[in-house]
């Protein structure tokens, strides 16, 4: 069993969620039940699945939850790209967030491979 709060991938994914909530405050109100809701839920799913998986007693079970978290991260990235294409994000925020996501994807993949 891992203490999820000590995992860098959990800490970084929580920071990503904070960032998502901050920049979606400026999205058009028409996206409240569209992109805003979807990107927030996908973002929250990442640290939530890391935390839930950390409570599992086997690495195999933990790895399954990390795979789900990684899938949610890819979903978040897709929604970020869509938000940028729809011009809801400026280029600076998009690039910063894209870089954070890419780095987190690499970190999670490496952690997952070491777990298996």
N, C-alpha and C. Protein backbone atom coordinates (compact mmCIF):
# COMPACT_ATOMS: atom_id res chain seq x y z
N UNK A 1 0.84 -1.18 0.00
CA UNK A 1 0.00 0.00 0.00
C UNK A 1 0.89 1.25 0.00
N UNK A 2 0.51 2.24 -0.79
CA UNK A 2 1.26 3.48 -0.91
C UNK A 2 0.49 4.62 -0.26
N UNK A 3 1.20 5.59 0.26
CA UNK A 3 0.55 6.81 0.74
C UNK A 3 0.46 7.76 -0.45
N UNK A 4 -0.75 7.87 -1.01
CA UNK A 4 -0.92 8.63 -2.25
C UNK A 4 -0.47 10.07 -2.13
N UNK A 5 -0.59 10.67 -0.94
CA UNK A 5 -0.21 12.08 -0.79
C UNK A 5 1.29 12.30 -0.95
N UNK A 6 2.07 11.23 -0.79
CA UNK A 6 3.52 11.33 -0.96
C UNK A 6 3.97 11.06 -2.39
N UNK A 7 3.05 10.61 -3.24
CA UNK A 7 3.40 10.30 -4.62
C UNK A 7 3.46 11.58 -5.46
N UNK A 8 4.57 11.79 -6.12
CA UNK A 8 4.73 12.99 -6.94
C UNK A 8 3.68 13.04 -8.06
N UNK A 9 3.33 11.88 -8.60
CA UNK A 9 2.32 11.88 -9.67
C UNK A 9 0.96 12.34 -9.15
N UNK A 10 0.66 12.04 -7.91
CA UNK A 10 -0.60 12.52 -7.32
C UNK A 10 -0.51 14.03 -7.07
N UNK A 11 0.60 14.48 -6.51
CA UNK A 11 0.78 15.91 -6.24
C UNK A 11 0.71 16.73 -7.53
N UNK A 12 1.38 16.26 -8.57
CA UNK A 12 1.38 16.99 -9.84
C UNK A 12 0.00 16.97 -10.49
N UNK A 13 -0.70 15.86 -10.37
CA UNK A 13 -2.04 15.80 -10.96
C UNK A 13 -3.02 16.69 -10.20
N UNK A 14 -2.83 16.85 -8.90
CA UNK A 14 -3.66 17.78 -8.13
C UNK A 14 -3.40 19.22 -8.57
N UNK A 15 -2.15 19.55 -8.83
CA UNK A 15 -1.82 20.89 -9.33
C UNK A 15 -2.46 21.13 -10.70
N UNK A 16 -2.47 20.10 -11.52
CA UNK A 16 -3.12 20.20 -12.83
C UNK A 16 -4.61 20.48 -12.67
N UNK A 17 -5.26 19.79 -11.75
CA UNK A 17 -6.69 20.01 -11.52
C UNK A 17 -6.94 21.45 -11.07
N UNK A 18 -6.11 21.96 -10.17
CA UNK A 18 -6.24 23.36 -9.75
C UNK A 18 -6.16 24.29 -10.95
N UNK A 19 -5.21 24.03 -11.82
CA UNK A 19 -5.03 24.86 -13.01
C UNK A 19 -6.25 24.78 -13.92
N UNK A 20 -6.77 23.58 -14.11
CA UNK A 20 -7.95 23.39 -14.96
C UNK A 20 -9.14 24.19 -14.41
N UNK A 21 -9.37 24.10 -13.12
CA UNK A 21 -10.49 24.84 -12.53
C UNK A 21 -10.29 26.35 -12.69
N UNK A 22 -9.05 26.80 -12.60
CA UNK A 22 -8.77 28.23 -12.76
C UNK A 22 -9.03 28.70 -14.18
N UNK A 23 -8.50 28.00 -15.17
CA UNK A 23 -8.69 28.52 -16.54
C UNK A 23 -10.09 28.28 -17.09
N UNK A 24 -10.80 27.28 -16.59
CA UNK A 24 -12.16 27.07 -17.10
C UNK A 24 -13.14 28.11 -16.55
N UNK A 25 -12.75 28.85 -15.53
CA UNK A 25 -13.60 29.93 -15.02
C UNK A 25 -13.83 30.99 -16.10
N UNK A 26 -12.94 31.04 -17.09
CA UNK A 26 -13.02 32.06 -18.13
C UNK A 26 -13.60 31.54 -19.44
N UNK A 27 -14.03 30.29 -19.44
CA UNK A 27 -14.65 29.73 -20.64
C UNK A 27 -16.06 30.29 -20.80
N UNK A 28 -16.60 30.26 -22.00
CA UNK A 28 -17.97 30.75 -22.20
C UNK A 28 -18.97 29.95 -21.37
N UNK A 29 -19.96 30.63 -20.86
CA UNK A 29 -20.98 29.98 -20.04
C UNK A 29 -21.72 28.89 -20.81
N UNK A 30 -21.74 28.99 -22.12
CA UNK A 30 -22.40 27.97 -22.95
C UNK A 30 -21.70 26.62 -22.84
N UNK A 31 -20.48 26.60 -22.37
CA UNK A 31 -19.72 25.35 -22.22
C UNK A 31 -19.83 24.75 -20.82
N UNK A 32 -20.68 25.33 -19.98
CA UNK A 32 -20.81 24.87 -18.59
C UNK A 32 -21.07 23.37 -18.51
N UNK A 33 -21.94 22.86 -19.37
CA UNK A 33 -22.28 21.43 -19.34
C UNK A 33 -21.57 20.66 -20.46
N UNK A 34 -20.67 21.34 -21.14
CA UNK A 34 -19.92 20.71 -22.22
C UNK A 34 -18.46 20.54 -21.81
N UNK A 35 -17.61 21.30 -22.45
CA UNK A 35 -16.16 21.17 -22.23
C UNK A 35 -15.78 21.42 -20.78
N UNK A 36 -16.37 22.43 -20.15
CA UNK A 36 -15.99 22.74 -18.76
C UNK A 36 -16.21 21.53 -17.86
N UNK A 37 -17.40 21.00 -17.92
CA UNK A 37 -17.74 19.84 -17.08
C UNK A 37 -16.84 18.65 -17.40
N UNK A 38 -16.66 18.39 -18.68
CA UNK A 38 -15.90 17.21 -19.11
C UNK A 38 -14.43 17.31 -18.73
N UNK A 39 -13.80 18.46 -18.96
CA UNK A 39 -12.37 18.57 -18.66
C UNK A 39 -12.14 18.57 -17.15
N UNK A 40 -13.07 19.16 -16.39
CA UNK A 40 -12.92 19.13 -14.93
C UNK A 40 -13.06 17.70 -14.41
N UNK A 41 -14.05 16.97 -14.91
CA UNK A 41 -14.25 15.59 -14.45
C UNK A 41 -13.09 14.69 -14.85
N UNK A 42 -12.60 14.87 -16.07
CA UNK A 42 -11.45 14.07 -16.52
C UNK A 42 -10.22 14.39 -15.69
N UNK A 43 -10.00 15.67 -15.42
CA UNK A 43 -8.85 16.09 -14.61
C UNK A 43 -8.92 15.54 -13.19
N UNK A 44 -10.08 15.63 -12.58
CA UNK A 44 -10.27 15.13 -11.21
C UNK A 44 -10.08 13.61 -11.15
N UNK A 45 -10.43 12.94 -12.22
CA UNK A 45 -10.31 11.49 -12.27
C UNK A 45 -8.86 11.02 -12.13
N UNK A 46 -7.92 11.83 -12.56
CA UNK A 46 -6.51 11.42 -12.52
C UNK A 46 -6.03 11.22 -11.08
N UNK A 47 -6.02 12.26 -10.23
CA UNK A 47 -5.55 12.02 -8.85
C UNK A 47 -6.49 11.11 -8.06
N UNK A 48 -7.76 11.12 -8.40
CA UNK A 48 -8.71 10.26 -7.68
C UNK A 48 -8.40 8.78 -7.90
N UNK A 49 -8.08 8.42 -9.13
CA UNK A 49 -7.74 7.02 -9.41
C UNK A 49 -6.38 6.63 -8.85
N UNK A 50 -5.46 7.58 -8.83
CA UNK A 50 -4.16 7.30 -8.19
C UNK A 50 -4.38 7.02 -6.71
N UNK A 51 -5.19 7.86 -6.07
CA UNK A 51 -5.46 7.68 -4.64
C UNK A 51 -6.18 6.37 -4.38
N UNK A 52 -7.20 6.09 -5.16
CA UNK A 52 -7.96 4.86 -4.96
C UNK A 52 -7.08 3.63 -5.17
N UNK A 53 -6.27 3.66 -6.20
CA UNK A 53 -5.39 2.53 -6.48
C UNK A 53 -4.34 2.32 -5.42
N UNK A 54 -3.91 3.40 -4.79
CA UNK A 54 -2.87 3.28 -3.77
C UNK A 54 -3.33 2.49 -2.55
N UNK A 55 -4.63 2.37 -2.38
CA UNK A 55 -5.18 1.62 -1.25
C UNK A 55 -5.21 0.11 -1.51
N UNK A 56 -4.97 -0.29 -2.74
CA UNK A 56 -5.00 -1.71 -3.09
C UNK A 56 -3.77 -2.41 -2.53
N UNK A 57 -3.95 -3.66 -2.19
CA UNK A 57 -2.87 -4.39 -1.54
C UNK A 57 -1.90 -5.03 -2.53
N UNK A 58 -2.29 -5.12 -3.80
CA UNK A 58 -1.37 -5.71 -4.78
C UNK A 58 -0.97 -4.66 -5.81
N UNK A 59 0.23 -4.81 -6.31
CA UNK A 59 0.71 -3.91 -7.36
C UNK A 59 -0.11 -4.06 -8.63
N UNK A 60 -0.61 -5.27 -8.88
CA UNK A 60 -1.43 -5.51 -10.06
C UNK A 60 -2.71 -4.67 -10.01
N UNK A 61 -3.35 -4.63 -8.85
CA UNK A 61 -4.56 -3.83 -8.70
C UNK A 61 -4.24 -2.34 -8.79
N UNK A 62 -3.15 -1.93 -8.16
CA UNK A 62 -2.75 -0.52 -8.21
C UNK A 62 -2.47 -0.12 -9.66
N UNK A 63 -1.80 -1.00 -10.41
CA UNK A 63 -1.47 -0.72 -11.81
C UNK A 63 -2.73 -0.51 -12.64
N UNK A 64 -3.78 -1.26 -12.35
CA UNK A 64 -5.04 -1.11 -13.09
C UNK A 64 -5.61 0.29 -12.89
N UNK A 65 -5.57 0.78 -11.66
CA UNK A 65 -6.07 2.14 -11.38
C UNK A 65 -5.17 3.20 -12.00
N UNK A 66 -3.87 2.94 -12.05
CA UNK A 66 -2.96 3.88 -12.71
C UNK A 66 -3.23 3.95 -14.21
N UNK A 67 -3.58 2.80 -14.80
CA UNK A 67 -3.93 2.80 -16.21
C UNK A 67 -5.20 3.62 -16.46
N UNK A 68 -6.16 3.53 -15.56
CA UNK A 68 -7.37 4.33 -15.67
C UNK A 68 -7.03 5.81 -15.53
N UNK A 69 -6.17 6.13 -14.57
CA UNK A 69 -5.74 7.52 -14.36
C UNK A 69 -5.03 8.05 -15.61
N UNK A 70 -4.20 7.23 -16.20
CA UNK A 70 -3.48 7.64 -17.41
C UNK A 70 -4.46 7.87 -18.56
N UNK A 71 -5.47 7.03 -18.68
CA UNK A 71 -6.50 7.22 -19.68
C UNK A 71 -7.23 8.54 -19.47
N UNK A 72 -7.52 8.87 -18.22
CA UNK A 72 -8.18 10.14 -17.91
C UNK A 72 -7.28 11.32 -18.24
N UNK A 73 -5.99 11.13 -18.07
CA UNK A 73 -5.05 12.19 -18.40
C UNK A 73 -5.03 12.43 -19.91
N UNK A 74 -5.09 11.37 -20.70
CA UNK A 74 -5.16 11.52 -22.16
C UNK A 74 -6.47 12.19 -22.57
N UNK A 75 -7.54 11.86 -21.87
CA UNK A 75 -8.83 12.53 -22.12
C UNK A 75 -8.71 14.02 -21.81
N UNK A 76 -8.08 14.33 -20.69
CA UNK A 76 -7.87 15.73 -20.31
C UNK A 76 -7.07 16.46 -21.38
N UNK A 77 -6.04 15.81 -21.89
CA UNK A 77 -5.20 16.42 -22.93
C UNK A 77 -6.02 16.69 -24.19
N UNK A 78 -6.86 15.75 -24.57
CA UNK A 78 -7.71 15.93 -25.75
C UNK A 78 -8.64 17.13 -25.57
N UNK A 79 -9.23 17.26 -24.39
CA UNK A 79 -10.12 18.37 -24.12
C UNK A 79 -9.37 19.70 -24.05
N UNK A 80 -8.13 19.66 -23.59
CA UNK A 80 -7.29 20.85 -23.59
C UNK A 80 -7.04 21.31 -25.02
N UNK A 81 -6.70 20.38 -25.89
CA UNK A 81 -6.46 20.71 -27.30
C UNK A 81 -7.73 21.28 -27.93
N UNK A 82 -8.86 20.66 -27.66
CA UNK A 82 -10.13 21.16 -28.18
C UNK A 82 -10.41 22.58 -27.67
N UNK A 83 -10.15 22.82 -26.40
CA UNK A 83 -10.37 24.15 -25.81
C UNK A 83 -9.50 25.19 -26.51
N UNK A 84 -8.28 24.82 -26.81
CA UNK A 84 -7.39 25.74 -27.51
C UNK A 84 -7.87 25.98 -28.94
N UNK A 85 -8.28 24.93 -29.61
CA UNK A 85 -8.78 25.07 -30.98
C UNK A 85 -10.04 25.93 -31.05
N UNK A 86 -10.84 25.87 -29.99
CA UNK A 86 -12.06 26.69 -29.93
C UNK A 86 -11.75 28.11 -29.45
N UNK A 87 -10.46 28.37 -29.17
CA UNK A 87 -9.97 29.69 -28.75
C UNK A 87 -10.48 30.09 -27.36
N UNK A 88 -10.67 29.09 -26.50
CA UNK A 88 -11.05 29.35 -25.11
C UNK A 88 -9.82 29.56 -24.24
N UNK A 89 -8.65 29.17 -24.76
CA UNK A 89 -7.37 29.30 -24.05
C UNK A 89 -6.40 30.10 -24.90
N UNK A 90 -5.60 30.91 -24.24
CA UNK A 90 -4.55 31.57 -25.01
C UNK A 90 -3.37 30.60 -25.16
N UNK A 91 -2.48 30.93 -26.06
CA UNK A 91 -1.38 30.04 -26.40
C UNK A 91 -0.45 29.76 -25.22
N UNK A 92 -0.20 30.76 -24.41
CA UNK A 92 0.71 30.59 -23.27
C UNK A 92 0.16 29.57 -22.27
N UNK A 93 -1.09 29.71 -21.89
CA UNK A 93 -1.70 28.76 -20.94
C UNK A 93 -1.78 27.38 -21.55
N UNK A 94 -2.15 27.33 -22.83
CA UNK A 94 -2.22 26.03 -23.51
C UNK A 94 -0.87 25.33 -23.48
N UNK A 95 0.19 26.04 -23.89
CA UNK A 95 1.52 25.42 -23.94
C UNK A 95 2.01 24.99 -22.58
N UNK A 96 1.81 25.83 -21.57
CA UNK A 96 2.22 25.47 -20.20
C UNK A 96 1.49 24.21 -19.73
N UNK A 97 0.20 24.18 -19.95
CA UNK A 97 -0.59 23.05 -19.48
C UNK A 97 -0.27 21.80 -20.29
N UNK A 98 -0.11 21.95 -21.58
CA UNK A 98 0.27 20.82 -22.44
C UNK A 98 1.60 20.22 -21.98
N UNK A 99 2.56 21.08 -21.65
CA UNK A 99 3.86 20.59 -21.17
C UNK A 99 3.72 19.86 -19.84
N UNK A 100 2.89 20.38 -18.94
CA UNK A 100 2.66 19.71 -17.66
C UNK A 100 2.04 18.34 -17.87
N UNK A 101 1.07 18.27 -18.76
CA UNK A 101 0.40 16.99 -19.04
C UNK A 101 1.38 15.99 -19.64
N UNK A 102 2.18 16.43 -20.61
CA UNK A 102 3.15 15.54 -21.24
C UNK A 102 4.14 15.00 -20.22
N UNK A 103 4.62 15.86 -19.35
CA UNK A 103 5.56 15.43 -18.32
C UNK A 103 4.89 14.45 -17.35
N UNK A 104 3.66 14.73 -16.97
CA UNK A 104 2.93 13.85 -16.07
C UNK A 104 2.65 12.50 -16.74
N UNK A 105 2.33 12.50 -18.03
CA UNK A 105 2.12 11.24 -18.75
C UNK A 105 3.39 10.38 -18.70
N UNK A 106 4.54 11.00 -18.90
CA UNK A 106 5.81 10.27 -18.85
C UNK A 106 6.07 9.72 -17.46
N UNK A 107 5.83 10.56 -16.45
CA UNK A 107 6.06 10.14 -15.07
C UNK A 107 5.15 8.98 -14.69
N UNK A 108 3.89 9.08 -15.07
CA UNK A 108 2.93 8.02 -14.73
C UNK A 108 3.26 6.72 -15.47
N UNK A 109 3.66 6.83 -16.73
CA UNK A 109 4.03 5.64 -17.50
C UNK A 109 5.23 4.95 -16.89
N UNK A 110 6.21 5.74 -16.48
CA UNK A 110 7.41 5.17 -15.86
C UNK A 110 7.05 4.51 -14.52
N UNK A 111 6.23 5.18 -13.73
CA UNK A 111 5.80 4.63 -12.44
C UNK A 111 5.04 3.33 -12.66
N UNK A 112 4.17 3.33 -13.66
CA UNK A 112 3.38 2.14 -13.97
C UNK A 112 4.28 0.98 -14.41
N UNK A 113 5.25 1.27 -15.26
CA UNK A 113 6.17 0.22 -15.71
C UNK A 113 7.00 -0.34 -14.56
N UNK A 114 7.41 0.51 -13.62
CA UNK A 114 8.16 0.05 -12.46
C UNK A 114 7.30 -0.77 -11.52
N UNK A 115 6.01 -0.50 -11.52
CA UNK A 115 5.09 -1.21 -10.64
C UNK A 115 4.84 -2.64 -11.13
N UNK A 116 4.87 -2.80 -12.45
CA UNK A 116 4.55 -4.12 -13.04
C UNK A 116 5.68 -5.09 -12.93
